[in-house]
Amino acid sequence: MIMKGELVHIPQDAYLLQELNVKNSSILDRFIKIKKPVKALFWEVDSKNPKWGFVYYKNAIWTTRMKDIYPITKEKENAS
């Protein structure tokens, strides 16, 4: 289980989405497709849909699929 604030890996070609909440409806505001693998901070799992999670990347909170969020362990971090 990934904890809030842990460093995570987001692979190439993953999508990061930002949504606006307009009276309980979410509208896609903008998105980016990651061109190369990036590191981000894990924020939390979406309580409404646990297949999605939130990450902090480039001074903003983004939504992405949980299957595209990989925890970075100490061994992997030291190897690179």
C-alpha atoms as a PDB file:
ATOM      1  CA  MET A   1       0.000   0.000   0.000  1.00  0.00           C
ATOM      2  CA  ILE A   2       1.314   3.413  -0.958  1.00  0.00           C
ATOM      3  CA  MET A   3       1.191   6.113   1.714  1.00  0.00           C
ATOM      4  CA  LYS A   4       0.542   9.823   1.132  1.00  0.00           C
ATOM      5  CA  GLY A   5       3.770  11.684   0.417  1.00  0.00           C
ATOM      6  CA  GLU A   6       5.709   8.666  -0.873  1.00  0.00           C
ATOM      7  CA  LEU A   7       7.725   9.029  -4.044  1.00  0.00           C
ATOM      8  CA  VAL A   8       6.166   7.152  -6.980  1.00  0.00           C
ATOM      9  CA  HIS A   9       7.080   6.380 -10.576  1.00  0.00           C
ATOM     10  CA  ILE A  10       4.686   7.251 -13.425  1.00  0.00           C
ATOM     11  CA  PRO A  11       5.625   5.457 -16.668  1.00  0.00           C
ATOM     12  CA  GLN A  12       5.931   6.870 -20.151  1.00  0.00           C
ATOM     13  CA  ASP A  13       2.607   7.246 -22.044  1.00  0.00           C
ATOM     14  CA  ALA A  14       0.496   7.500 -18.851  1.00  0.00           C
ATOM     15  CA  TYR A  15      -2.146  10.227 -18.754  1.00  0.00           C
ATOM     16  CA  LEU A  16      -2.442  12.802 -15.984  1.00  0.00           C
ATOM     17  CA  LEU A  17      -5.832  14.498 -15.738  1.00  0.00           C
ATOM     18  CA  GLN A  18      -7.124  17.582 -13.953  1.00  0.00           C
ATOM     19  CA  GLU A  19     -10.835  17.967 -13.367  1.00  0.00           C
ATOM     20  CA  LEU A  20     -13.089  20.757 -12.191  1.00  0.00           C
ATOM     21  CA  ASN A  21     -15.868  19.948  -9.713  1.00  0.00           C
ATOM     22  CA  VAL A  22     -18.982  21.809 -10.792  1.00  0.00           C
ATOM     23  CA  LYS A  23     -21.834  21.016  -8.381  1.00  0.00           C
ATOM     24  CA  ASN A  24     -20.880  17.337  -7.880  1.00  0.00           C
ATOM     25  CA  SER A  25     -20.061  16.754 -11.551  1.00  0.00           C
ATOM     26  CA  SER A  26     -16.491  16.496 -12.745  1.00  0.00           C
ATOM     27  CA  ILE A  27     -15.485  18.156 -15.985  1.00  0.00           C
ATOM     28  CA  LEU A  28     -12.123  17.408 -17.562  1.00  0.00           C
ATOM     29  CA  ASP A  29     -10.171  20.669 -17.432  1.00  0.00           C
ATOM     30  CA  ARG A  30      -6.852  19.561 -18.937  1.00  0.00           C
ATOM     31  CA  PHE A  31      -4.637  16.531 -19.406  1.00  0.00           C
ATOM     32  CA  ILE A  32      -1.083  15.634 -20.296  1.00  0.00           C
ATOM     33  CA  LYS A  33       0.425  12.458 -21.693  1.00  0.00           C
ATOM     34  CA  ILE A  34       3.768  11.709 -20.054  1.00  0.00           C
ATOM     35  CA  LYS A  35       6.470  11.562 -22.739  1.00  0.00           C
ATOM     36  CA  LYS A  36       9.106  10.065 -20.463  1.00  0.00           C
ATOM     37  CA  PRO A  37       8.917   8.371 -17.036  1.00  0.00           C
ATOM     38  CA  VAL A  38       8.558  10.830 -14.151  1.00  0.00           C
ATOM     39  CA  LYS A  39       8.636  10.862 -10.371  1.00  0.00           C
ATOM     40  CA  ALA A  40       5.739  12.336  -8.390  1.00  0.00           C
ATOM     41  CA  LEU A  41       4.414  12.321  -4.842  1.00  0.00           C
ATOM     42  CA  PHE A  42       1.486  10.049  -4.107  1.00  0.00           C
ATOM     43  CA  TRP A  43      -1.496  11.967  -2.710  1.00  0.00           C
ATOM     44  CA  GLU A  44      -4.341   9.453  -2.215  1.00  0.00           C
ATOM     45  CA  VAL A  45      -6.621   6.882  -3.818  1.00  0.00           C
ATOM     46  CA  ASP A  46      -9.869   8.275  -5.224  1.00  0.00           C
ATOM     47  CA  SER A  47     -12.504   7.283  -2.653  1.00  0.00           C
ATOM     48  CA  LYS A  48     -15.270   7.307  -5.303  1.00  0.00           C
ATOM     49  CA  ASN A  49     -13.357   5.135  -7.772  1.00  0.00           C
ATOM     50  CA  PRO A  50     -10.366   3.213  -6.340  1.00  0.00           C
ATOM     51  CA  LYS A  51      -9.042   2.447  -9.850  1.00  0.00           C
ATOM     52  CA  TRP A  52      -7.871   6.072  -9.902  1.00  0.00           C
ATOM     53  CA  GLY A  53      -5.436   7.907  -7.678  1.00  0.00           C
ATOM     54  CA  PHE A  54      -4.084  11.402  -7.127  1.00  0.00           C
ATOM     55  CA  VAL A  55      -0.447  12.461  -7.439  1.00  0.00           C
ATOM     56  CA  TYR A  56       1.348  15.750  -6.876  1.00  0.00           C
ATOM     57  CA  TYR A  57       3.366  16.652  -9.970  1.00  0.00           C
ATOM     58  CA  LYS A  58       4.685  20.045 -11.146  1.00  0.00           C
ATOM     59  CA  ASN A  59       2.954  22.048  -8.391  1.00  0.00           C
ATOM     60  CA  ALA A  60      -0.503  20.551  -9.011  1.00  0.00           C
ATOM     61  CA  ILE A  61      -2.665  17.578  -8.045  1.00  0.00           C
ATOM     62  CA  TRP A  62      -3.349  15.228 -10.970  1.00  0.00           C
ATOM     63  CA  THR A  63      -5.534  12.156 -11.374  1.00  0.00           C
ATOM     64  CA  THR A  64      -4.133   9.008 -12.984  1.00  0.00           C
ATOM     65  CA  ARG A  65      -4.906   5.299 -13.061  1.00  0.00           C
ATOM     66  CA  MET A  66      -3.634   3.380 -10.042  1.00  0.00           C
ATOM     67  CA  LYS A  67      -2.127   0.789 -12.400  1.00  0.00           C
ATOM     68  CA  ASP A  68       0.194   3.581 -13.641  1.00  0.00           C
ATOM     69  CA  ILE A  69       1.432   4.450 -10.140  1.00  0.00           C
ATOM     70  CA  TYR A  70       4.446   2.459  -8.967  1.00  0.00           C
ATOM     71  CA  PRO A  71       6.045   2.915  -5.539  1.00  0.00           C
ATOM     72  CA  ILE A  72       9.775   3.607  -5.524  1.00  0.00           C
ATOM     73  CA  THR A  73      11.593   1.477  -2.988  1.00  0.00           C
ATOM     74  CA  LYS A  74      14.953   2.340  -1.447  1.00  0.00           C
ATOM     75  CA  GLU A  75      16.700  -0.441  -3.392  1.00  0.00           C
ATOM     76  CA  LYS A  76      15.380   0.821  -6.744  1.00  0.00           C
ATOM     77  CA  GLU A  77      16.134   4.437  -5.871  1.00  0.00           C
ATOM     78  CA  ASN A  78      19.745   3.643  -4.946  1.00  0.00           C
ATOM     79  CA  ALA A  79      20.282   1.607  -8.110  1.00  0.00           C
ATOM     80  CA  SER A  80      19.664   4.562 -10.440  1.00  0.00           C
END
